[in-house]
Amino acid sequence: MMFLGAFLFILFFVLIAPQSQHFLLGLATGASAWITDWAPLSYFLLLILVVAPIAGIHMIRSWPERVDPDNPLAKYRREMPLDED
């Protein structure tokens, strides 16, 4: 978290450089070409990528609360007689 400002500063200058813009545009073009070429399979994979985090969040939120068992020695500690001299 300490280097977030420096990271964003560097990322800003990387993204405005013409070479990196060309590279990122080429990646996006290649990905869109792959998606259209492998249409049924790629749509299924994209669906899995979208649904998996949503299903994980739902599973974590609906998980039952953990109930810790009582300490089995607690009843013996309560019953200890007090020595009053």
Protein backbone atom coordinates (compact mmCIF):
# COMPACT_ATOMS: atom_id res chain seq x y z
CA MET A 1 0.00 0.00 0.00
CA MET A 2 2.99 2.22 0.58
CA PHE A 3 4.09 2.25 -3.05
CA LEU A 4 0.62 2.64 -4.59
CA GLY A 5 1.19 6.27 -5.57
CA ALA A 6 4.55 5.51 -7.18
CA PHE A 7 3.08 2.50 -8.97
CA LEU A 8 0.19 4.56 -10.38
CA PHE A 9 2.63 7.31 -11.45
CA ILE A 10 4.79 4.81 -13.36
CA LEU A 11 1.72 3.08 -14.81
CA PHE A 12 0.41 6.40 -16.12
CA PHE A 13 3.63 7.08 -18.05
CA VAL A 14 3.80 3.51 -19.34
CA LEU A 15 0.28 3.77 -20.72
CA ILE A 16 0.88 7.08 -22.51
CA ALA A 17 4.01 5.85 -24.29
CA PRO A 18 3.29 5.08 -27.98
CA GLN A 19 5.06 1.72 -27.93
CA SER A 20 3.08 0.44 -24.97
CA GLN A 21 -0.19 1.73 -26.48
CA HIS A 22 0.60 -0.14 -29.70
CA PHE A 23 1.44 -3.30 -27.73
CA LEU A 24 -1.74 -3.16 -25.64
CA LEU A 25 -3.88 -2.47 -28.70
CA GLY A 26 -2.29 -5.49 -30.41
CA LEU A 27 -3.11 -7.66 -27.38
CA ALA A 28 -6.72 -6.50 -27.40
CA THR A 29 -7.02 -7.09 -31.15
CA GLY A 30 -5.53 -10.57 -30.82
CA ALA A 31 -7.86 -11.43 -27.94
CA SER A 32 -10.92 -10.27 -29.85
CA ALA A 33 -9.80 -12.26 -32.91
CA TRP A 34 -9.32 -15.37 -30.76
CA ILE A 35 -12.78 -14.92 -29.21
CA THR A 36 -14.46 -14.70 -32.61
CA ASP A 37 -12.43 -17.58 -34.10
CA TRP A 38 -13.20 -19.95 -31.23
CA ALA A 39 -16.74 -18.64 -30.72
CA PRO A 40 -18.60 -21.39 -28.84
CA LEU A 41 -15.66 -22.45 -26.68
CA SER A 42 -14.45 -18.93 -25.97
CA TYR A 43 -17.90 -17.76 -24.89
CA PHE A 44 -18.13 -20.71 -22.53
CA LEU A 45 -14.70 -19.88 -21.06
CA LEU A 46 -15.67 -16.22 -20.65
CA LEU A 47 -18.85 -17.30 -18.91
CA ILE A 48 -16.83 -19.42 -16.49
CA LEU A 49 -14.49 -16.48 -15.81
CA VAL A 50 -17.43 -14.23 -15.00
CA VAL A 51 -19.52 -16.71 -12.99
CA ALA A 52 -16.72 -18.24 -10.87
CA PRO A 53 -15.98 -15.13 -8.75
CA ILE A 54 -19.69 -14.45 -8.30
CA ALA A 55 -20.28 -18.03 -7.16
CA GLY A 56 -17.32 -17.82 -4.79
CA ILE A 57 -18.59 -14.60 -3.23
CA HIS A 58 -22.04 -16.13 -2.81
CA MET A 59 -20.57 -19.25 -1.22
CA ILE A 60 -18.48 -17.24 1.24
CA ARG A 61 -21.41 -15.01 2.23
CA SER A 62 -23.80 -17.94 2.72
CA TRP A 63 -21.33 -20.15 4.60
CA PRO A 64 -22.66 -21.16 8.04
CA GLU A 65 -21.16 -19.50 11.10
CA ARG A 66 -18.60 -21.52 13.01
CA VAL A 67 -19.80 -22.58 16.43
CA ASP A 68 -16.98 -23.27 18.83
CA PRO A 69 -17.70 -25.99 21.39
CA ASP A 70 -17.62 -25.07 25.03
CA ASN A 71 -14.47 -25.74 26.96
CA PRO A 72 -14.90 -29.21 28.49
CA LEU A 73 -12.78 -28.27 31.52
CA ALA A 74 -14.80 -25.16 32.31
CA LYS A 75 -17.23 -27.05 34.56
CA TYR A 76 -14.35 -28.34 36.69
CA ARG A 77 -12.91 -24.88 37.09
CA ARG A 78 -16.25 -23.51 38.26
CA GLU A 79 -16.68 -26.27 40.86
CA MET A 80 -13.28 -25.83 42.48
CA PRO A 81 -13.80 -24.98 46.14
CA LEU A 82 -12.29 -21.79 47.39
CA ASP A 83 -9.93 -22.20 50.31
CA GLU A 84 -10.65 -19.45 52.73
CA ASP A 85 -8.35 -19.45 55.68
